C-alpha cells in the first residue's frame, strides 16, 4: 500500500518518520519506503510504502493509527496492490 501523508509543517516530517517505524511494526507490517516529495512553496508530503498481509484485515487499524500520529494533518491511500 502506498500512502501520502501531509504533515502540519515540513519540520514535522522527521518526527513522523520515526513514529511510523515502530507503529507499522506493531501491526505486523513492514515499512518498505518513506520518501519526502515536494509539493509547492516549500511544502512537502511523505509518501510511504507499506507491505502487509492482506488477510490480516488490519489496514483500517493502520490508517487510524497513522492519522493519530502527532504532526499528521491528513493522509490518503494512493495505491494498493497484491504481492
PDB file of N, CA and C in Angstrom:
ATOM      1  N   UNK A   1       0.841  -1.159   0.000  1.00  0.00           N
ATOM      2  CA  UNK A   1       0.000   0.000   0.000  1.00  0.00           C
ATOM      3  C   UNK A   1       0.894   1.231   0.000  1.00  0.00           C
ATOM      4  N   UNK A   2       0.479   2.229  -0.754  1.00  0.00           N
ATOM      5  CA  UNK A   2       1.217   3.487  -0.784  1.00  0.00           C
ATOM      6  C   UNK A   2       0.301   4.575  -0.228  1.00  0.00           C
ATOM      7  N   UNK A   3       0.796   5.279   0.781  1.00  0.00           N
ATOM      8  CA  UNK A   3       0.054   6.369   1.404  1.00  0.00           C
ATOM      9  C   UNK A   3       0.794   7.679   1.210  1.00  0.00           C
ATOM     10  N   UNK A   4       0.047   8.761   1.051  1.00  0.00           N
ATOM     11  CA  UNK A   4       0.605  10.105   1.039  1.00  0.00           C
ATOM     12  C   UNK A   4       0.176  10.777   2.342  1.00  0.00           C
ATOM     13  N   UNK A   5       1.166  11.181   3.121  1.00  0.00           N
ATOM     14  CA  UNK A   5       0.902  11.823   4.408  1.00  0.00           C
ATOM     15  C   UNK A   5       1.258  13.295   4.299  1.00  0.00           C
ATOM     16  N   UNK A   6       0.336  14.159   4.691  1.00  0.00           N
ATOM     17  CA  UNK A   6       0.583  15.598   4.718  1.00  0.00           C
ATOM     18  C   UNK A   6       0.853  15.992   6.166  1.00  0.00           C
ATOM     19  N   UNK A   7       2.058  16.487   6.443  1.00  0.00           N
ATOM     20  CA  UNK A   7       2.362  16.926   7.806  1.00  0.00           C
ATOM     21  C   UNK A   7       1.793  18.319   8.060  1.00  0.00           C
ATOM     22  N   UNK A   8       1.651  18.674   9.331  1.00  0.00           N
ATOM     23  CA  UNK A   8       1.199  20.017   9.679  1.00  0.00           C
ATOM     24  C   UNK A   8       2.213  21.058   9.221  1.00  0.00           C
ATOM     25  N   UNK A   9       3.502  20.697   9.235  1.00  0.00           N
ATOM     26  CA  UNK A   9       4.562  21.565   8.718  1.00  0.00           C
ATOM     27  C   UNK A   9       5.713  20.690   8.252  1.00  0.00           C
ATOM     28  N   UNK A  10       6.547  21.194   7.326  1.00  0.00           N
ATOM     29  CA  UNK A  10       7.669  20.385   6.823  1.00  0.00           C
ATOM     30  C   UNK A  10       8.641  19.946   7.926  1.00  0.00           C
ATOM     31  N   UNK A  11       8.725  20.711   8.999  1.00  0.00           N
ATOM     32  CA  UNK A  11       9.629  20.370  10.095  1.00  0.00           C
ATOM     33  C   UNK A  11       9.192  19.106  10.845  1.00  0.00           C
ATOM     34  N   UNK A  12       7.957  18.704  10.697  1.00  0.00           N
ATOM     35  CA  UNK A  12       7.421  17.535  11.412  1.00  0.00           C
ATOM     36  C   UNK A  12       7.708  16.212  10.702  1.00  0.00           C
ATOM     37  N   UNK A  13       8.219  16.255   9.484  1.00  0.00           N
ATOM     38  CA  UNK A  13       8.384  15.026   8.699  1.00  0.00           C
ATOM     39  C   UNK A  13       9.304  14.020   9.387  1.00  0.00           C
ATOM     40  N   UNK A  14      10.424  14.468   9.920  1.00  0.00           N
ATOM     41  CA  UNK A  14      11.359  13.534  10.570  1.00  0.00           C
ATOM     42  C   UNK A  14      10.722  12.871  11.796  1.00  0.00           C
ATOM     43  N   UNK A  15       9.966  13.643  12.581  1.00  0.00           N
ATOM     44  CA  UNK A  15       9.280  13.077  13.748  1.00  0.00           C
ATOM     45  C   UNK A  15       8.253  12.031  13.320  1.00  0.00           C
ATOM     46  N   UNK A  16       7.544  12.315  12.244  1.00  0.00           N
ATOM     47  CA  UNK A  16       6.538  11.379  11.735  1.00  0.00           C
ATOM     48  C   UNK A  16       7.215  10.088  11.267  1.00  0.00           C
ATOM     49  N   UNK A  17       8.338  10.208  10.550  1.00  0.00           N
ATOM     50  CA  UNK A  17       9.064   9.022  10.082  1.00  0.00           C
ATOM     51  C   UNK A  17       9.466   8.122  11.247  1.00  0.00           C
ATOM     52  N   UNK A  18      10.002   8.715  12.303  1.00  0.00           N
ATOM     53  CA  UNK A  18      10.425   7.933  13.471  1.00  0.00           C
ATOM     54  C   UNK A  18       9.252   7.193  14.099  1.00  0.00           C
ATOM     55  N   UNK A  19       8.130   7.886  14.217  1.00  0.00           N
ATOM     56  CA  UNK A  19       6.933   7.294  14.815  1.00  0.00           C
ATOM     57  C   UNK A  19       6.389   6.162  13.932  1.00  0.00           C
ATOM     58  N   UNK A  20       6.459   6.343  12.616  1.00  0.00           N
ATOM     59  CA  UNK A  20       5.940   5.348  11.676  1.00  0.00           C
ATOM     60  C   UNK A  20       6.650   4.008  11.795  1.00  0.00           C
ATOM     61  N   UNK A  21       7.958   4.031  11.975  1.00  0.00           N
ATOM     62  CA  UNK A  21       8.726   2.792  12.008  1.00  0.00           C
ATOM     63  C   UNK A  21       8.213   1.833  13.077  1.00  0.00           C
ATOM     64  N   UNK A  22       8.011   2.338  14.289  1.00  0.00           N
ATOM     65  CA  UNK A  22       7.542   1.455  15.357  1.00  0.00           C
ATOM     66  C   UNK A  22       6.053   1.138  15.211  1.00  0.00           C
ATOM     67  N   UNK A  23       5.277   2.095  14.741  1.00  0.00           N
ATOM     68  CA  UNK A  23       3.839   1.895  14.589  1.00  0.00           C
ATOM     69  C   UNK A  23       3.540   0.797  13.564  1.00  0.00           C
ATOM     70  N   UNK A  24       4.217   0.851  12.440  1.00  0.00           N
ATOM     71  CA  UNK A  24       3.977  -0.133  11.375  1.00  0.00           C
ATOM     72  C   UNK A  24       4.343  -1.542  11.849  1.00  0.00           C
ATOM     73  N   UNK A  25       5.455  -1.677  12.554  1.00  0.00           N
ATOM     74  CA  UNK A  25       5.858  -2.984  13.074  1.00  0.00           C
ATOM     75  C   UNK A  25       4.852  -3.524  14.078  1.00  0.00           C
ATOM     76  N   UNK A  26       4.239  -2.629  14.844  1.00  0.00           N
ATOM     77  CA  UNK A  26       3.299  -3.071  15.888  1.00  0.00           C
ATOM     78  C   UNK A  26       2.032  -3.718  15.328  1.00  0.00           C
ATOM     79  N   UNK A  27       1.711  -3.453  14.059  1.00  0.00           N
ATOM     80  CA  UNK A  27       0.542  -4.094  13.449  1.00  0.00           C
ATOM     81  C   UNK A  27       0.941  -5.239  12.520  1.00  0.00           C
ATOM     82  N   UNK A  28       2.214  -5.637  12.584  1.00  0.00           N
ATOM     83  CA  UNK A  28       2.676  -6.773  11.788  1.00  0.00           C
ATOM     84  C   UNK A  28       2.942  -6.454  10.336  1.00  0.00           C
ATOM     85  N   UNK A  29       3.278  -5.215  10.048  1.00  0.00           N
ATOM     86  CA  UNK A  29       3.569  -4.798   8.673  1.00  0.00           C
ATOM     87  C   UNK A  29       5.022  -4.353   8.571  1.00  0.00           C
ATOM     88  N   UNK A  30       5.436  -4.020   7.360  1.00  0.00           N
ATOM     89  CA  UNK A  30       6.818  -3.592   7.118  1.00  0.00           C
ATOM     90  C   UNK A  30       6.806  -2.268   6.369  1.00  0.00           C
ATOM     91  N   UNK A  31       7.555  -1.286   6.890  1.00  0.00           N
ATOM     92  CA  UNK A  31       7.718  -0.008   6.205  1.00  0.00           C
ATOM     93  C   UNK A  31       8.812  -0.199   5.168  1.00  0.00           C
ATOM     94  N   UNK A  32       8.409  -0.283   3.913  1.00  0.00           N
ATOM     95  CA  UNK A  32       9.340  -0.576   2.833  1.00  0.00           C
ATOM     96  C   UNK A  32      10.056   0.678   2.335  1.00  0.00           C
ATOM     97  N   UNK A  33       9.361   1.828   2.333  1.00  0.00           N
ATOM     98  CA  UNK A  33       9.935   3.056   1.805  1.00  0.00           C
ATOM     99  C   UNK A  33       9.245   4.247   2.439  1.00  0.00           C
ATOM    100  N   UNK A  34      10.012   5.293   2.709  1.00  0.00           N
ATOM    101  CA  UNK A  34       9.466   6.564   3.183  1.00  0.00           C
ATOM    102  C   UNK A  34      10.230   7.665   2.474  1.00  0.00           C
ATOM    103  N   UNK A  35       9.546   8.407   1.618  1.00  0.00           N
ATOM    104  CA  UNK A  35      10.208   9.392   0.769  1.00  0.00           C
ATOM    105  C   UNK A  35       9.489  10.736   0.842  1.00  0.00           C
ATOM    106  N   UNK A  36      10.269  11.799   1.013  1.00  0.00           N
ATOM    107  CA  UNK A  36       9.706  13.145   1.008  1.00  0.00           C
ATOM    108  C   UNK A  36       9.494  13.582  -0.438  1.00  0.00           C
ATOM    109  N   UNK A  37       8.326  14.169  -0.701  1.00  0.00           N
ATOM    110  CA  UNK A  37       8.001  14.640  -2.043  1.00  0.00           C
ATOM    111  C   UNK A  37       7.651  16.126  -1.966  1.00  0.00           C
ATOM    112  N   UNK A  38       8.308  16.955  -2.782  1.00  0.00           N
ATOM    113  CA  UNK A  38       7.963  18.381  -2.776  1.00  0.00           C
ATOM    114  C   UNK A  38       6.582  18.603  -3.392  1.00  0.00           C
ATOM    115  N   UNK A  39       5.850  19.557  -2.821  1.00  0.00           N
ATOM    116  CA  UNK A  39       4.526  19.875  -3.356  1.00  0.00           C
ATOM    117  C   UNK A  39       4.566  21.259  -3.997  1.00  0.00           C
ATOM    118  N   UNK A  40       4.704  22.296  -3.180  1.00  0.00           N
ATOM    119  CA  UNK A  40       4.817  23.673  -3.685  1.00  0.00           C
ATOM    120  C   UNK A  40       5.124  24.598  -2.520  1.00  0.00           C
ATOM    121  N   UNK A  41       5.795  25.689  -2.821  1.00  0.00           N
ATOM    122  CA  UNK A  41       6.059  26.737  -1.835  1.00  0.00           C
ATOM    123  C   UNK A  41       6.715  26.198  -0.554  1.00  0.00           C
ATOM    124  N   UNK A  42       7.629  25.223  -0.688  1.00  0.00           N
ATOM    125  CA  UNK A  42       8.328  24.669   0.465  1.00  0.00           C
ATOM    126  C   UNK A  42       7.568  23.581   1.206  1.00  0.00           C
ATOM    127  N   UNK A  43       6.339  23.300   0.787  1.00  0.00           N
ATOM    128  CA  UNK A  43       5.563  22.226   1.418  1.00  0.00           C
ATOM    129  C   UNK A  43       6.026  20.879   0.880  1.00  0.00           C
ATOM    130  N   UNK A  44       6.004  19.883   1.746  1.00  0.00           N
ATOM    131  CA  UNK A  44       6.396  18.530   1.362  1.00  0.00           C
ATOM    132  C   UNK A  44       5.384  17.533   1.901  1.00  0.00           C
ATOM    133  N   UNK A  45       5.257  16.437   1.186  1.00  0.00           N
ATOM    134  CA  UNK A  45       4.456  15.320   1.689  1.00  0.00           C
ATOM    135  C   UNK A  45       5.414  14.167   1.954  1.00  0.00           C
ATOM    136  N   UNK A  46       4.933  13.200   2.679  1.00  0.00           N
ATOM    137  CA  UNK A  46       5.702  11.992   2.955  1.00  0.00           C
ATOM    138  C   UNK A  46       4.960  10.843   2.291  1.00  0.00           C
ATOM    139  N   UNK A  47       5.607  10.202   1.330  1.00  0.00           N
ATOM    140  CA  UNK A  47       4.984   9.079   0.637  1.00  0.00           C
ATOM    141  C   UNK A  47       5.619   7.804   1.167  1.00  0.00           C
ATOM    142  N   UNK A  48       4.797   6.915   1.698  1.00  0.00           N
ATOM    143  CA  UNK A  48       5.302   5.685   2.311  1.00  0.00           C
ATOM    144  C   UNK A  48       4.725   4.462   1.614  1.00  0.00           C
ATOM    145  N   UNK A  49       5.537   3.430   1.559  1.00  0.00           N
ATOM    146  CA  UNK A  49       5.091   2.140   1.028  1.00  0.00           C
ATOM    147  C   UNK A  49       5.137   1.138   2.171  1.00  0.00           C
ATOM    148  N   UNK A  50       4.013   0.488   2.403  1.00  0.00           N
ATOM    149  CA  UNK A  50       3.889  -0.473   3.496  1.00  0.00           C
ATOM    150  C   UNK A  50       3.528  -1.830   2.918  1.00  0.00           C
ATOM    151  N   UNK A  51       4.250  -2.853   3.371  1.00  0.00           N
ATOM    152  CA  UNK A  51       3.952  -4.229   2.978  1.00  0.00           C
ATOM    153  C   UNK A  51       3.277  -4.919   4.156  1.00  0.00           C
ATOM    154  N   UNK A  52       2.113  -5.511   3.884  1.00  0.00           N
ATOM    155  CA  UNK A  52       1.424  -6.252   4.945  1.00  0.00           C
ATOM    156  C   UNK A  52       0.559  -7.336   4.335  1.00  0.00           C
ATOM    157  N   UNK A  53       0.288  -8.341   5.121  1.00  0.00           N
ATOM    158  CA  UNK A  53      -0.562  -9.449   4.700  1.00  0.00           C
ATOM    159  C   UNK A  53      -1.992  -8.941   4.594  1.00  0.00           C
ATOM    160  N   UNK A  54      -2.570  -9.032   3.416  1.00  0.00           N
ATOM    161  CA  UNK A  54      -3.926  -8.519   3.229  1.00  0.00           C
ATOM    162  C   UNK A  54      -4.971  -9.353   3.968  1.00  0.00           C
ATOM    163  N   UNK A  55      -4.614 -10.571   4.368  1.00  0.00           N
ATOM    164  CA  UNK A  55      -5.545 -11.415   5.113  1.00  0.00           C
ATOM    165  C   UNK A  55      -5.708 -10.961   6.561  1.00  0.00           C
ATOM    166  N   UNK A  56      -4.736 -10.163   7.036  1.00  0.00           N
ATOM    167  CA  UNK A  56      -4.784  -9.745   8.441  1.00  0.00           C
ATOM    168  C   UNK A  56      -5.944  -8.794   8.713  1.00  0.00           C
ATOM    169  N   UNK A  57      -6.388  -8.062   7.703  1.00  0.00           N
ATOM    170  CA  UNK A  57      -7.507  -7.140   7.880  1.00  0.00           C
ATOM    171  C   UNK A  57      -7.175  -5.952   8.764  1.00  0.00           C
ATOM    172  N   UNK A  58      -5.913  -5.627   8.886  1.00  0.00           N
ATOM    173  CA  UNK A  58      -5.504  -4.555   9.786  1.00  0.00           C
ATOM    174  C   UNK A  58      -5.231  -3.239   9.079  1.00  0.00           C
ATOM    175  N   UNK A  59      -5.580  -3.121   7.808  1.00  0.00           N
ATOM    176  CA  UNK A  59      -5.296  -1.872   7.094  1.00  0.00           C
ATOM    177  C   UNK A  59      -6.094  -0.703   7.673  1.00  0.00           C
ATOM    178  N   UNK A  60      -7.316  -0.944   8.088  1.00  0.00           N
ATOM    179  CA  UNK A  60      -8.123   0.115   8.709  1.00  0.00           C
ATOM    180  C   UNK A  60      -7.513   0.592  10.012  1.00  0.00           C
ATOM    181  N   UNK A  61      -7.050  -0.363  10.825  1.00  0.00           N
ATOM    182  CA  UNK A  61      -6.397  -0.018  12.090  1.00  0.00           C
ATOM    183  C   UNK A  61      -5.115   0.771  11.826  1.00  0.00           C
ATOM    184  N   UNK A  62      -4.357   0.350  10.825  1.00  0.00           N
ATOM    185  CA  UNK A  62      -3.119   1.034  10.475  1.00  0.00           C
ATOM    186  C   UNK A  62      -3.406   2.481  10.070  1.00  0.00           C
ATOM    187  N   UNK A  63      -4.409   2.694   9.235  1.00  0.00           N
ATOM    188  CA  UNK A  63      -4.758   4.042   8.791  1.00  0.00           C
ATOM    189  C   UNK A  63      -5.159   4.929   9.970  1.00  0.00           C
ATOM    190  N   UNK A  64      -5.952   4.395  10.879  1.00  0.00           N
ATOM    191  CA  UNK A  64      -6.357   5.164  12.058  1.00  0.00           C
ATOM    192  C   UNK A  64      -5.159   5.555  12.908  1.00  0.00           C
ATOM    193  N   UNK A  65      -4.247   4.615  13.093  1.00  0.00           N
ATOM    194  CA  UNK A  65      -3.079   4.881  13.933  1.00  0.00           C
ATOM    195  C   UNK A  65      -2.127   5.880  13.276  1.00  0.00           C
ATOM    196  N   UNK A  66      -1.964   5.800  11.957  1.00  0.00           N
ATOM    197  CA  UNK A  66      -1.122   6.783  11.265  1.00  0.00           C
ATOM    198  C   UNK A  66      -1.742   8.170  11.376  1.00  0.00           C
ATOM    199  N   UNK A  67      -3.051   8.259  11.198  1.00  0.00           N
ATOM    200  CA  UNK A  67      -3.749   9.557  11.298  1.00  0.00           C
ATOM    201  C   UNK A  67      -3.614  10.181  12.674  1.00  0.00           C
ATOM    202  N   UNK A  68      -3.431   9.352  13.692  1.00  0.00           N
ATOM    203  CA  UNK A  68      -3.358   9.867  15.066  1.00  0.00           C
ATOM    204  C   UNK A  68      -1.942  10.264  15.494  1.00  0.00           C
ATOM    205  N   UNK A  69      -0.946  10.067  14.611  1.00  0.00           N
ATOM    206  CA  UNK A  69       0.428  10.488  14.932  1.00  0.00           C
ATOM    207  C   UNK A  69       0.459  12.007  15.056  1.00  0.00           C
ATOM    208  N   UNK A  70       1.066  12.533  16.132  1.00  0.00           N
ATOM    209  CA  UNK A  70       1.171  13.988  16.261  1.00  0.00           C
ATOM    210  C   UNK A  70       1.933  14.587  15.071  1.00  0.00           C
ATOM    211  N   UNK A  71       1.383  15.638  14.490  1.00  0.00           N
ATOM    212  CA  UNK A  71       2.011  16.293  13.344  1.00  0.00           C
ATOM    213  C   UNK A  71       1.420  15.890  12.006  1.00  0.00           C
ATOM    214  N   UNK A  72       0.579  14.843  11.978  1.00  0.00           N
ATOM    215  CA  UNK A  72      -0.057  14.422  10.721  1.00  0.00           C
ATOM    216  C   UNK A  72      -1.332  15.233  10.527  1.00  0.00           C
ATOM    217  N   UNK A  73      -1.365  15.983   9.435  1.00  0.00           N
ATOM    218  CA  UNK A  73      -2.552  16.777   9.118  1.00  0.00           C
ATOM    219  C   UNK A  73      -3.593  15.920   8.410  1.00  0.00           C
ATOM    220  N   UNK A  74      -3.136  15.148   7.400  1.00  0.00           N
ATOM    221  CA  UNK A  74      -4.045  14.265   6.671  1.00  0.00           C
ATOM    222  C   UNK A  74      -3.240  13.171   5.992  1.00  0.00           C
ATOM    223  N   UNK A  75      -3.952  12.160   5.536  1.00  0.00           N
ATOM    224  CA  UNK A  75      -3.318  11.079   4.786  1.00  0.00           C
ATOM    225  C   UNK A  75      -4.316  10.507   3.800  1.00  0.00           C
ATOM    226  N   UNK A  76      -3.792   9.942   2.721  1.00  0.00           N
ATOM    227  CA  UNK A  76      -4.655   9.301   1.729  1.00  0.00           C
ATOM    228  C   UNK A  76      -3.968   8.080   1.150  1.00  0.00           C
ATOM    229  N   UNK A  77      -4.772   7.103   0.807  1.00  0.00           N
ATOM    230  CA  UNK A  77      -4.270   5.910   0.141  1.00  0.00           C
ATOM    231  C   UNK A  77      -4.088   6.251  -1.321  1.00  0.00           C
ATOM    232  N   UNK A  78      -2.855   6.112  -1.829  1.00  0.00           N
ATOM    233  CA  UNK A  78      -2.538   6.455  -3.206  1.00  0.00           C
ATOM    234  C   UNK A  78      -2.665   5.232  -4.111  1.00  0.00           C
ATOM    235  N   UNK A  79      -2.219   4.064  -3.608  1.00  0.00           N
ATOM    236  CA  UNK A  79      -2.244   2.858  -4.426  1.00  0.00           C
ATOM    237  C   UNK A  79      -2.253   1.630  -3.532  1.00  0.00           C
ATOM    238  N   UNK A  80      -2.914   0.588  -3.999  1.00  0.00           N
ATOM    239  CA  UNK A  80      -2.934  -0.683  -3.279  1.00  0.00           C
ATOM    240  C   UNK A  80      -2.833  -1.794  -4.314  1.00  0.00           C
ATOM    241  N   UNK A  81      -1.952  -2.740  -4.046  1.00  0.00           N
ATOM    242  CA  UNK A  81      -1.834  -3.877  -4.951  1.00  0.00           C
ATOM    243  C   UNK A  81      -1.475  -5.122  -4.155  1.00  0.00           C
ATOM    244  N   UNK A  82      -1.669  -6.256  -4.780  1.00  0.00           N
ATOM    245  CA  UNK A  82      -1.335  -7.533  -4.153  1.00  0.00           C
ATOM    246  C   UNK A  82       0.056  -7.948  -4.583  1.00  0.00           C
ATOM    247  N   UNK A  83       0.750  -8.608  -3.681  1.00  0.00           N
ATOM    248  CA  UNK A  83       2.096  -9.090  -3.988  1.00  0.00           C
ATOM    249  C   UNK A  83       2.024 -10.556  -4.342  1.00  0.00           C
TER     250      UNK A  83
END
